[in-house]
Amino acid sequence: MSEWQTVCDIEEIPLNGGCCALLRNQQVAVFRVQQGADQKLYAIDNFDPFSDANVISRGIVGSSKGRVVVASPIYKQHFCLGSGECLEDNVTLRTWDVRLSGHKVQVAI
């Protein structure tokens, strides 16, 4: 059974951007993405395996091949925010369950 940890207020995450949270010594990138009239939250590992740096939360959010992705700010690999898959290589980042409780963003740990 998962425990939900509050990360921040929804307004602290820029629209179509991300922030980083430390959950049990694991850096997690949390994104707030506008999709049509709705907003969706995503949580994915913050560690970029290509640059060996915790930078995914600073990446650029967009879409590629019909999927919502974040481009790593270092070498520009695209990671699907829903599945964690890298579109250019055979690498997958861990994804985390994320929800909105009132105005608080929570991640399952």
PDB file of N, CA and C in Angstrom:
ATOM      1  N   MET A   1       0.833  -1.182   0.000  1.00  0.00           N
ATOM      2  CA  MET A   1       0.000   0.000   0.000  1.00  0.00           C
ATOM      3  C   MET A   1       0.881   1.250   0.000  1.00  0.00           C
ATOM      4  N   SER A   2       0.545   2.197  -0.831  1.00  0.00           N
ATOM      5  CA  SER A   2       1.327   3.426  -0.960  1.00  0.00           C
ATOM      6  C   SER A   2       0.953   4.444   0.107  1.00  0.00           C
ATOM      7  N   GLU A   3       1.946   5.230   0.449  1.00  0.00           N
ATOM      8  CA  GLU A   3       1.742   6.367   1.332  1.00  0.00           C
ATOM      9  C   GLU A   3       1.874   7.614   0.466  1.00  0.00           C
ATOM     10  N   TRP A   4       0.974   8.575   0.648  1.00  0.00           N
ATOM     11  CA  TRP A   4       1.014   9.802  -0.141  1.00  0.00           C
ATOM     12  C   TRP A   4       1.776  10.867   0.618  1.00  0.00           C
ATOM     13  N   GLN A   5       2.767  11.469  -0.046  1.00  0.00           N
ATOM     14  CA  GLN A   5       3.550  12.541   0.566  1.00  0.00           C
ATOM     15  C   GLN A   5       3.261  13.840  -0.179  1.00  0.00           C
ATOM     16  N   THR A   6       2.927  14.878   0.577  1.00  0.00           N
ATOM     17  CA  THR A   6       2.695  16.185  -0.020  1.00  0.00           C
ATOM     18  C   THR A   6       4.022  16.778  -0.468  1.00  0.00           C
ATOM     19  N   VAL A   7       4.035  17.268  -1.700  1.00  0.00           N
ATOM     20  CA  VAL A   7       5.242  17.827  -2.310  1.00  0.00           C
ATOM     21  C   VAL A   7       5.218  19.352  -2.256  1.00  0.00           C
ATOM     22  N   CYS A   8       4.097  19.942  -2.697  1.00  0.00           N
ATOM     23  CA  CYS A   8       3.989  21.396  -2.748  1.00  0.00           C
ATOM     24  C   CYS A   8       2.558  21.781  -3.084  1.00  0.00           C
ATOM     25  N   ASP A   9       2.302  23.080  -3.134  1.00  0.00           N
ATOM     26  CA  ASP A   9       1.033  23.610  -3.601  1.00  0.00           C
ATOM     27  C   ASP A   9       1.047  23.593  -5.126  1.00  0.00           C
ATOM     28  N   ILE A  10      -0.085  23.349  -5.752  1.00  0.00           N
ATOM     29  CA  ILE A  10      -0.171  23.254  -7.208  1.00  0.00           C
ATOM     30  C   ILE A  10       0.383  24.503  -7.888  1.00  0.00           C
ATOM     31  N   GLU A  11       0.177  25.674  -7.292  1.00  0.00           N
ATOM     32  CA  GLU A  11       0.628  26.927  -7.901  1.00  0.00           C
ATOM     33  C   GLU A  11       2.149  27.092  -7.863  1.00  0.00           C
ATOM     34  N   GLU A  12       2.837  26.263  -7.096  1.00  0.00           N
ATOM     35  CA  GLU A  12       4.303  26.333  -7.041  1.00  0.00           C
ATOM     36  C   GLU A  12       4.973  25.640  -8.227  1.00  0.00           C
ATOM     37  N   ILE A  13       4.205  24.877  -8.986  1.00  0.00           N
ATOM     38  CA  ILE A  13       4.744  24.227 -10.182  1.00  0.00           C
ATOM     39  C   ILE A  13       4.315  25.069 -11.382  1.00  0.00           C
ATOM     40  N   PRO A  14       5.263  25.566 -12.170  1.00  0.00           N
ATOM     41  CA  PRO A  14       4.879  26.375 -13.327  1.00  0.00           C
ATOM     42  C   PRO A  14       4.062  25.558 -14.323  1.00  0.00           C
ATOM     43  N   LEU A  15       3.090  26.193 -14.937  1.00  0.00           N
ATOM     44  CA  LEU A  15       2.290  25.522 -15.954  1.00  0.00           C
ATOM     45  C   LEU A  15       3.203  25.108 -17.107  1.00  0.00           C
ATOM     46  N   ASN A  16       3.086  23.852 -17.520  1.00  0.00           N
ATOM     47  CA  ASN A  16       3.940  23.253 -18.546  1.00  0.00           C
ATOM     48  C   ASN A  16       5.410  23.273 -18.133  1.00  0.00           C
ATOM     49  N   GLY A  17       5.623  23.080 -16.839  1.00  0.00           N
ATOM     50  CA  GLY A  17       6.965  23.019 -16.282  1.00  0.00           C
ATOM     51  C   GLY A  17       7.005  22.045 -15.127  1.00  0.00           C
ATOM     52  N   GLY A  18       8.159  21.980 -14.478  1.00  0.00           N
ATOM     53  CA  GLY A  18       8.333  21.014 -13.408  1.00  0.00           C
ATOM     54  C   GLY A  18       9.037  21.582 -12.202  1.00  0.00           C
ATOM     55  N   CYS A  19       9.056  20.763 -11.155  1.00  0.00           N
ATOM     56  CA  CYS A  19       9.805  21.061  -9.944  1.00  0.00           C
ATOM     57  C   CYS A  19      10.391  19.747  -9.445  1.00  0.00           C
ATOM     58  N   CYS A  20      11.319  19.840  -8.530  1.00  0.00           N
ATOM     59  CA  CYS A  20      11.956  18.647  -7.987  1.00  0.00           C
ATOM     60  C   CYS A  20      11.569  18.472  -6.531  1.00  0.00           C
ATOM     61  N   ALA A  21      11.324  17.226  -6.129  1.00  0.00           N
ATOM     62  CA  ALA A  21      11.014  16.902  -4.743  1.00  0.00           C
ATOM     63  C   ALA A  21      11.916  15.751  -4.296  1.00  0.00           C
ATOM     64  N   LEU A  22      12.300  15.765  -3.043  1.00  0.00           N
ATOM     65  CA  LEU A  22      13.106  14.685  -2.474  1.00  0.00           C
ATOM     66  C   LEU A  22      12.186  13.799  -1.643  1.00  0.00           C
ATOM     67  N   LEU A  23      12.021  12.546  -2.084  1.00  0.00           N
ATOM     68  CA  LEU A  23      11.140  11.594  -1.426  1.00  0.00           C
ATOM     69  C   LEU A  23      11.947  10.363  -1.037  1.00  0.00           C
ATOM     70  N   ARG A  24      12.171  10.190   0.261  1.00  0.00           N
ATOM     71  CA  ARG A  24      12.958   9.054   0.756  1.00  0.00           C
ATOM     72  C   ARG A  24      14.294   8.926   0.013  1.00  0.00           C
ATOM     73  N   ASN A  25      15.034  10.002  -0.023  1.00  0.00           N
ATOM     74  CA  ASN A  25      16.349  10.059  -0.668  1.00  0.00           C
ATOM     75  C   ASN A  25      16.315   9.836  -2.177  1.00  0.00           C
ATOM     76  N   GLN A  26      15.156   9.967  -2.793  1.00  0.00           N
ATOM     77  CA  GLN A  26      15.001   9.820  -4.247  1.00  0.00           C
ATOM     78  C   GLN A  26      14.484  11.138  -4.807  1.00  0.00           C
ATOM     79  N   GLN A  27      15.201  11.703  -5.789  1.00  0.00           N
ATOM     80  CA  GLN A  27      14.732  12.932  -6.429  1.00  0.00           C
ATOM     81  C   GLN A  27      13.677  12.582  -7.479  1.00  0.00           C
ATOM     82  N   VAL A  28      12.536  13.268  -7.378  1.00  0.00           N
ATOM     83  CA  VAL A  28      11.418  13.044  -8.287  1.00  0.00           C
ATOM     84  C   VAL A  28      11.074  14.370  -8.961  1.00  0.00           C
ATOM     85  N   ALA A  29      10.926  14.338 -10.284  1.00  0.00           N
ATOM     86  CA  ALA A  29      10.505  15.511 -11.047  1.00  0.00           C
ATOM     87  C   ALA A  29       8.988  15.464 -11.184  1.00  0.00           C
ATOM     88  N   VAL A  30       8.318  16.537 -10.767  1.00  0.00           N
ATOM     89  CA  VAL A  30       6.856  16.619 -10.826  1.00  0.00           C
ATOM     90  C   VAL A  30       6.494  17.713 -11.825  1.00  0.00           C
ATOM     91  N   PHE A  31       5.614  17.379 -12.772  1.00  0.00           N
ATOM     92  CA  PHE A  31       5.235  18.298 -13.840  1.00  0.00           C
ATOM     93  C   PHE A  31       3.743  18.589 -13.810  1.00  0.00           C
ATOM     94  N   ARG A  32       3.399  19.828 -14.180  1.00  0.00           N
ATOM     95  CA  ARG A  32       1.998  20.254 -14.352  1.00  0.00           C
ATOM     96  C   ARG A  32       1.849  20.659 -15.808  1.00  0.00           C
ATOM     97  N   VAL A  33       1.014  19.916 -16.542  1.00  0.00           N
ATOM     98  CA  VAL A  33       0.912  20.078 -17.988  1.00  0.00           C
ATOM     99  C   VAL A  33      -0.521  20.436 -18.374  1.00  0.00           C
ATOM    100  N   GLN A  34      -0.649  21.478 -19.190  1.00  0.00           N
ATOM    101  CA  GLN A  34      -1.950  21.860 -19.746  1.00  0.00           C
ATOM    102  C   GLN A  34      -2.243  20.972 -20.933  1.00  0.00           C
ATOM    103  N   GLN A  35      -3.386  20.268 -20.897  1.00  0.00           N
ATOM    104  CA  GLN A  35      -3.807  19.417 -22.006  1.00  0.00           C
ATOM    105  C   GLN A  35      -5.233  19.805 -22.362  1.00  0.00           C
ATOM    106  N   GLY A  36      -5.377  20.626 -23.394  1.00  0.00           N
ATOM    107  CA  GLY A  36      -6.692  21.140 -23.739  1.00  0.00           C
ATOM    108  C   GLY A  36      -7.181  22.041 -22.617  1.00  0.00           C
ATOM    109  N   ALA A  37      -8.389  21.783 -22.133  1.00  0.00           N
ATOM    110  CA  ALA A  37      -8.953  22.577 -21.032  1.00  0.00           C
ATOM    111  C   ALA A  37      -8.517  22.056 -19.671  1.00  0.00           C
ATOM    112  N   ASP A  38      -7.868  20.902 -19.633  1.00  0.00           N
ATOM    113  CA  ASP A  38      -7.493  20.264 -18.377  1.00  0.00           C
ATOM    114  C   ASP A  38      -6.001  20.403 -18.085  1.00  0.00           C
ATOM    115  N   GLN A  39      -5.676  20.244 -16.808  1.00  0.00           N
ATOM    116  CA  GLN A  39      -4.284  20.165 -16.384  1.00  0.00           C
ATOM    117  C   GLN A  39      -4.044  18.760 -15.846  1.00  0.00           C
ATOM    118  N   LYS A  40      -2.873  18.220 -16.130  1.00  0.00           N
ATOM    119  CA  LYS A  40      -2.527  16.877 -15.666  1.00  0.00           C
ATOM    120  C   LYS A  40      -1.185  16.935 -14.954  1.00  0.00           C
ATOM    121  N   LEU A  41      -1.051  16.123 -13.911  1.00  0.00           N
ATOM    122  CA  LEU A  41       0.189  16.022 -13.155  1.00  0.00           C
ATOM    123  C   LEU A  41       0.921  14.732 -13.533  1.00  0.00           C
ATOM    124  N   TYR A  42       2.235  14.823 -13.588  1.00  0.00           N
ATOM    125  CA  TYR A  42       3.093  13.670 -13.855  1.00  0.00           C
ATOM    126  C   TYR A  42       4.243  13.691 -12.862  1.00  0.00           C
ATOM    127  N   ALA A  43       4.743  12.511 -12.519  1.00  0.00           N
ATOM    128  CA  ALA A  43       5.927  12.408 -11.669  1.00  0.00           C
ATOM    129  C   ALA A  43       6.834  11.325 -12.254  1.00  0.00           C
ATOM    130  N   ILE A  44       8.108  11.669 -12.372  1.00  0.00           N
ATOM    131  CA  ILE A  44       9.094  10.804 -13.024  1.00  0.00           C
ATOM    132  C   ILE A  44      10.435  11.003 -12.322  1.00  0.00           C
ATOM    133  N   ASP A  45      11.327  10.029 -12.402  1.00  0.00           N
ATOM    134  CA  ASP A  45      12.662  10.204 -11.816  1.00  0.00           C
ATOM    135  C   ASP A  45      13.299  11.491 -12.328  1.00  0.00           C
ATOM    136  N   ASN A  46      14.011  12.181 -11.471  1.00  0.00           N
ATOM    137  CA  ASN A  46      14.702  13.411 -11.850  1.00  0.00           C
ATOM    138  C   ASN A  46      16.089  13.131 -12.437  1.00  0.00           C
ATOM    139  N   PHE A  47      16.573  11.903 -12.304  1.00  0.00           N
ATOM    140  CA  PHE A  47      17.922  11.546 -12.738  1.00  0.00           C
ATOM    141  C   PHE A  47      17.966  11.268 -14.236  1.00  0.00           C
ATOM    142  N   ASP A  48      18.817  11.997 -14.949  1.00  0.00           N
ATOM    143  CA  ASP A  48      19.031  11.795 -16.374  1.00  0.00           C
ATOM    144  C   ASP A  48      20.189  10.806 -16.543  1.00  0.00           C
ATOM    145  N   PRO A  49      19.927   9.590 -17.023  1.00  0.00           N
ATOM    146  CA  PRO A  49      20.987   8.584 -17.125  1.00  0.00           C
ATOM    147  C   PRO A  49      22.031   8.898 -18.200  1.00  0.00           C
ATOM    148  N   PHE A  50      21.740   9.805 -19.104  1.00  0.00           N
ATOM    149  CA  PHE A  50      22.690  10.137 -20.164  1.00  0.00           C
ATOM    150  C   PHE A  50      23.729  11.153 -19.702  1.00  0.00           C
ATOM    151  N   SER A  51      23.355  12.034 -18.794  1.00  0.00           N
ATOM    152  CA  SER A  51      24.301  13.033 -18.287  1.00  0.00           C
ATOM    153  C   SER A  51      24.733  12.745 -16.853  1.00  0.00           C
ATOM    154  N   ASP A  52      24.124  11.725 -16.227  1.00  0.00           N
ATOM    155  CA  ASP A  52      24.391  11.395 -14.821  1.00  0.00           C
ATOM    156  C   ASP A  52      24.146  12.584 -13.898  1.00  0.00           C
ATOM    157  N   ALA A  53      23.083  13.341 -14.194  1.00  0.00           N
ATOM    158  CA  ALA A  53      22.749  14.516 -13.383  1.00  0.00           C
ATOM    159  C   ALA A  53      21.254  14.526 -13.075  1.00  0.00           C
ATOM    160  N   ASN A  54      20.894  15.092 -11.935  1.00  0.00           N
ATOM    161  CA  ASN A  54      19.493  15.242 -11.541  1.00  0.00           C
ATOM    162  C   ASN A  54      18.943  16.541 -12.129  1.00  0.00           C
ATOM    163  N   VAL A  55      18.461  16.458 -13.389  1.00  0.00           N
ATOM    164  CA  VAL A  55      18.064  17.660 -14.114  1.00  0.00           C
ATOM    165  C   VAL A  55      16.733  17.558 -14.853  1.00  0.00           C
ATOM    166  N   ILE A  56      16.078  16.425 -14.833  1.00  0.00           N
ATOM    167  CA  ILE A  56      14.871  16.234 -15.639  1.00  0.00           C
ATOM    168  C   ILE A  56      13.802  17.277 -15.310  1.00  0.00           C
ATOM    169  N   SER A  57      13.685  17.686 -14.061  1.00  0.00           N
ATOM    170  CA  SER A  57      12.663  18.668 -13.670  1.00  0.00           C
ATOM    171  C   SER A  57      12.873  20.013 -14.354  1.00  0.00           C
ATOM    172  N   ARG A  58      14.070  20.268 -14.884  1.00  0.00           N
ATOM    173  CA  ARG A  58      14.376  21.527 -15.577  1.00  0.00           C
ATOM    174  C   ARG A  58      14.219  21.419 -17.090  1.00  0.00           C
ATOM    175  N   GLY A  59      13.718  20.266 -17.547  1.00  0.00           N
ATOM    176  CA  GLY A  59      13.561  20.043 -18.977  1.00  0.00           C
ATOM    177  C   GLY A  59      12.385  20.795 -19.562  1.00  0.00           C
ATOM    178  N   ILE A  60      12.312  20.773 -20.884  1.00  0.00           N
ATOM    179  CA  ILE A  60      11.244  21.453 -21.617  1.00  0.00           C
ATOM    180  C   ILE A  60      10.140  20.444 -21.911  1.00  0.00           C
ATOM    181  N   VAL A  61       8.904  20.798 -21.538  1.00  0.00           N
ATOM    182  CA  VAL A  61       7.741  19.941 -21.751  1.00  0.00           C
ATOM    183  C   VAL A  61       7.158  20.216 -23.133  1.00  0.00           C
ATOM    184  N   GLY A  62       6.783  19.146 -23.815  1.00  0.00           N
ATOM    185  CA  GLY A  62       6.169  19.274 -25.129  1.00  0.00           C
ATOM    186  C   GLY A  62       5.502  17.973 -25.518  1.00  0.00           C
ATOM    187  N   SER A  63       5.338  17.764 -26.804  1.00  0.00           N
ATOM    188  CA  SER A  63       4.768  16.496 -27.271  1.00  0.00           C
ATOM    189  C   SER A  63       5.599  15.979 -28.440  1.00  0.00           C
ATOM    190  N   SER A  64       5.648  14.682 -28.545  1.00  0.00           N
ATOM    191  CA  SER A  64       6.368  14.021 -29.630  1.00  0.00           C
ATOM    192  C   SER A  64       5.715  12.673 -29.873  1.00  0.00           C
ATOM    193  N   LYS A  65       5.447  12.392 -31.123  1.00  0.00           N
ATOM    194  CA  LYS A  65       4.846  11.110 -31.503  1.00  0.00           C
ATOM    195  C   LYS A  65       3.553  10.854 -30.727  1.00  0.00           C
ATOM    196  N   GLY A  66       2.779  11.920 -30.489  1.00  0.00           N
ATOM    197  CA  GLY A  66       1.491  11.797 -29.811  1.00  0.00           C
ATOM    198  C   GLY A  66       1.572  11.620 -28.306  1.00  0.00           C
ATOM    199  N   ARG A  67       2.746  11.805 -27.732  1.00  0.00           N
ATOM    200  CA  ARG A  67       2.907  11.630 -26.285  1.00  0.00           C
ATOM    201  C   ARG A  67       3.411  12.921 -25.636  1.00  0.00           C
ATOM    202  N   VAL A  68       3.034  13.107 -24.374  1.00  0.00           N
ATOM    203  CA  VAL A  68       3.547  14.238 -23.602  1.00  0.00           C
ATOM    204  C   VAL A  68       4.931  13.849 -23.108  1.00  0.00           C
ATOM    205  N   VAL A  69       5.926  14.688 -23.408  1.00  0.00           N
ATOM    206  CA  VAL A  69       7.313  14.359 -23.098  1.00  0.00           C
ATOM    207  C   VAL A  69       8.003  15.535 -22.414  1.00  0.00           C
ATOM    208  N   VAL A  70       9.140  15.207 -21.814  1.00  0.00           N
ATOM    209  CA  VAL A  70      10.064  16.228 -21.326  1.00  0.00           C
ATOM    210  C   VAL A  70      11.400  15.968 -22.015  1.00  0.00           C
ATOM    211  N   ALA A  71      12.014  17.047 -22.512  1.00  0.00           N
ATOM    212  CA  ALA A  71      13.334  16.948 -23.127  1.00  0.00           C
ATOM    213  C   ALA A  71      14.371  17.265 -22.068  1.00  0.00           C
ATOM    214  N   SER A  72      15.308  16.357 -21.871  1.00  0.00           N
ATOM    215  CA  SER A  72      16.370  16.596 -20.907  1.00  0.00           C
ATOM    216  C   SER A  72      17.122  17.873 -21.281  1.00  0.00           C
ATOM    217  N   PRO A  73      17.425  18.719 -20.291  1.00  0.00           N
ATOM    218  CA  PRO A  73      18.111  19.971 -20.613  1.00  0.00           C
ATOM    219  C   PRO A  73      19.576  19.807 -21.008  1.00  0.00           C
ATOM    220  N   ILE A  74      20.148  18.626 -20.826  1.00  0.00           N
ATOM    221  CA  ILE A  74      21.562  18.435 -21.148  1.00  0.00           C
ATOM    222  C   ILE A  74      21.737  17.951 -22.595  1.00  0.00           C
ATOM    223  N   TYR A  75      21.331  16.710 -22.877  1.00  0.00           N
ATOM    224  CA  TYR A  75      21.549  16.147 -24.212  1.00  0.00           C
ATOM    225  C   TYR A  75      20.265  16.028 -25.034  1.00  0.00           C
ATOM    226  N   LYS A  76      19.155  16.496 -24.483  1.00  0.00           N
ATOM    227  CA  LYS A  76      17.878  16.630 -25.203  1.00  0.00           C
ATOM    228  C   LYS A  76      17.139  15.326 -25.514  1.00  0.00           C
ATOM    229  N   GLN A  77      17.454  14.220 -24.829  1.00  0.00           N
ATOM    230  CA  GLN A  77      16.641  13.026 -25.012  1.00  0.00           C
ATOM    231  C   GLN A  77      15.229  13.327 -24.506  1.00  0.00           C
ATOM    232  N   HIS A  78      14.240  12.722 -25.157  1.00  0.00           N
ATOM    233  CA  HIS A  78      12.843  12.923 -24.794  1.00  0.00           C
ATOM    234  C   HIS A  78      12.345  11.731 -23.985  1.00  0.00           C
ATOM    235  N   PHE A  79      11.743  12.030 -22.827  1.00  0.00           N
ATOM    236  CA  PHE A  79      11.178  10.999 -21.965  1.00  0.00           C
ATOM    237  C   PHE A  79       9.667  11.196 -21.897  1.00  0.00           C
ATOM    238  N   CYS A  80       8.925  10.119 -22.159  1.00  0.00           N
ATOM    239  CA  CYS A  80       7.467  10.162 -22.063  1.00  0.00           C
ATOM    240  C   CYS A  80       7.087  10.332 -20.590  1.00  0.00           C
ATOM    241  N   LEU A  81       6.303  11.350 -20.284  1.00  0.00           N
ATOM    242  CA  LEU A  81       5.940  11.594 -18.885  1.00  0.00           C
ATOM    243  C   LEU A  81       4.986  10.535 -18.344  1.00  0.00           C
ATOM    244  N   GLY A  82       4.217   9.892 -19.198  1.00  0.00           N
ATOM    245  CA  GLY A  82       3.287   8.861 -18.750  1.00  0.00           C
ATOM    246  C   GLY A  82       3.931   7.524 -18.456  1.00  0.00           C
ATOM    247  N   SER A  83       4.940   7.156 -19.259  1.00  0.00           N
ATOM    248  CA  SER A  83       5.543   5.823 -19.124  1.00  0.00           C
ATOM    249  C   SER A  83       7.001   5.854 -18.673  1.00  0.00           C
ATOM    250  N   GLY A  84       7.677   7.000 -18.815  1.00  0.00           N
ATOM    251  CA  GLY A  84       9.096   7.095 -18.483  1.00  0.00           C
ATOM    252  C   GLY A  84      10.025   6.659 -19.600  1.00  0.00           C
ATOM    253  N   GLU A  85       9.480   6.158 -20.724  1.00  0.00           N
ATOM    254  CA  GLU A  85      10.298   5.666 -21.826  1.00  0.00           C
ATOM    255  C   GLU A  85      11.051   6.793 -22.523  1.00  0.00           C
ATOM    256  N   CYS A  86      12.288   6.529 -22.864  1.00  0.00           N
ATOM    257  CA  CYS A  86      13.080   7.441 -23.688  1.00  0.00           C
ATOM    258  C   CYS A  86      12.723   7.157 -25.142  1.00  0.00           C
ATOM    259  N   LEU A  87      12.408   8.196 -25.918  1.00  0.00           N
ATOM    260  CA  LEU A  87      12.012   7.998 -27.309  1.00  0.00           C
ATOM    261  C   LEU A  87      13.196   7.712 -28.220  1.00  0.00           C
ATOM    262  N   GLU A  88      14.402   8.073 -27.805  1.00  0.00           N
ATOM    263  CA  GLU A  88      15.579   7.892 -28.651  1.00  0.00           C
ATOM    264  C   GLU A  88      16.435   6.679 -28.296  1.00  0.00           C
ATOM    265  N   ASP A  89      16.211   6.084 -27.140  1.00  0.00           N
ATOM    266  CA  ASP A  89      17.101   5.006 -26.689  1.00  0.00           C
ATOM    267  C   ASP A  89      16.285   4.009 -25.872  1.00  0.00           C
ATOM    268  N   ASN A  90      16.891   2.880 -25.554  1.00  0.00           N
ATOM    269  CA  ASN A  90      16.218   1.823 -24.801  1.00  0.00           C
ATOM    270  C   ASN A  90      16.429   2.015 -23.299  1.00  0.00           C
ATOM    271  N   VAL A  91      15.924   3.133 -22.770  1.00  0.00           N
ATOM    272  CA  VAL A  91      16.051   3.482 -21.355  1.00  0.00           C
ATOM    273  C   VAL A  91      14.672   3.918 -20.869  1.00  0.00           C
ATOM    274  N   THR A  92      14.323   3.527 -19.657  1.00  0.00           N
ATOM    275  CA  THR A  92      13.050   3.950 -19.073  1.00  0.00           C
ATOM    276  C   THR A  92      13.286   4.477 -17.668  1.00  0.00           C
ATOM    277  N   LEU A  93      12.761   5.671 -17.399  1.00  0.00           N
ATOM    278  CA  LEU A  93      12.805   6.232 -16.051  1.00  0.00           C
ATOM    279  C   LEU A  93      11.593   5.755 -15.269  1.00  0.00           C
ATOM    280  N   ARG A  94      11.735   5.668 -13.976  1.00  0.00           N
ATOM    281  CA  ARG A  94      10.615   5.277 -13.118  1.00  0.00           C
ATOM    282  C   ARG A  94       9.581   6.404 -13.102  1.00  0.00           C
ATOM    283  N   THR A  95       8.320   6.020 -13.154  1.00  0.00           N
ATOM    284  CA  THR A  95       7.233   6.976 -12.978  1.00  0.00           C
ATOM    285  C   THR A  95       6.603   6.744 -11.609  1.00  0.00           C
ATOM    286  N   TRP A  96       5.974   7.777 -11.088  1.00  0.00           N
ATOM    287  CA  TRP A  96       5.373   7.747  -9.762  1.00  0.00           C
ATOM    288  C   TRP A  96       3.909   8.160  -9.870  1.00  0.00           C
ATOM    289  N   ASP A  97       3.054   7.552  -9.045  1.00  0.00           N
ATOM    290  CA  ASP A  97       1.669   7.999  -8.974  1.00  0.00           C
ATOM    291  C   ASP A  97       1.644   9.368  -8.327  1.00  0.00           C
ATOM    292  N   VAL A  98       0.843  10.259  -8.890  1.00  0.00           N
ATOM    293  CA  VAL A  98       0.748  11.621  -8.384  1.00  0.00           C
ATOM    294  C   VAL A  98      -0.719  12.038  -8.405  1.00  0.00           C
ATOM    295  N   ARG A  99      -1.115  12.856  -7.431  1.00  0.00           N
ATOM    296  CA  ARG A  99      -2.504  13.304  -7.368  1.00  0.00           C
ATOM    297  C   ARG A  99      -2.559  14.711  -6.788  1.00  0.00           C
ATOM    298  N   LEU A 100      -3.735  15.308  -6.950  1.00  0.00           N
ATOM    299  CA  LEU A 100      -4.003  16.612  -6.359  1.00  0.00           C
ATOM    300  C   LEU A 100      -5.017  16.410  -5.250  1.00  0.00           C
ATOM    301  N   SER A 101      -4.669  16.864  -4.050  1.00  0.00           N
ATOM    302  CA  SER A 101      -5.564  16.778  -2.894  1.00  0.00           C
ATOM    303  C   SER A 101      -5.821  18.219  -2.429  1.00  0.00           C
ATOM    304  N   GLY A 102      -6.983  18.748  -2.803  1.00  0.00           N
ATOM    305  CA  GLY A 102      -7.230  20.163  -2.580  1.00  0.00           C
ATOM    306  C   GLY A 102      -6.317  20.939  -3.515  1.00  0.00           C
ATOM    307  N   HIS A 103      -5.434  21.759  -2.956  1.00  0.00           N
ATOM    308  CA  HIS A 103      -4.438  22.476  -3.757  1.00  0.00           C
ATOM    309  C   HIS A 103      -3.041  21.871  -3.588  1.00  0.00           C
ATOM    310  N   LYS A 104      -2.942  20.747  -2.891  1.00  0.00           N
ATOM    311  CA  LYS A 104      -1.651  20.129  -2.613  1.00  0.00           C
ATOM    312  C   LYS A 104      -1.348  19.003  -3.585  1.00  0.00           C
ATOM    313  N   VAL A 105      -0.132  19.016  -4.124  1.00  0.00           N
ATOM    314  CA  VAL A 105       0.328  17.945  -5.007  1.00  0.00           C
ATOM    315  C   VAL A 105       0.941  16.866  -4.118  1.00  0.00           C
ATOM    316  N   GLN A 106       0.523  15.615  -4.334  1.00  0.00           N
ATOM    317  CA  GLN A 106       1.018  14.500  -3.541  1.00  0.00           C
ATOM    318  C   GLN A 106       1.547  13.405  -4.465  1.00  0.00           C
ATOM    319  N   VAL A 107       2.627  12.763  -4.024  1.00  0.00           N
ATOM    320  CA  VAL A 107       3.251  11.665  -4.758  1.00  0.00           C
ATOM    321  C   VAL A 107       3.219  10.419  -3.889  1.00  0.00           C
ATOM    322  N   ALA A 108       2.902   9.274  -4.481  1.00  0.00           N
ATOM    323  CA  ALA A 108       2.862   8.001  -3.750  1.00  0.00           C
ATOM    324  C   ALA A 108       4.278   7.477  -3.572  1.00  0.00           C
ATOM    325  N   ILE A 109       4.606   7.133  -2.338  1.00  0.00           N
ATOM    326  CA  ILE A 109       5.935   6.577  -2.050  1.00  0.00           C
ATOM    327  C   ILE A 109       5.785   5.203  -1.423  1.00  0.00           C
TER     328      ILE A 109
END
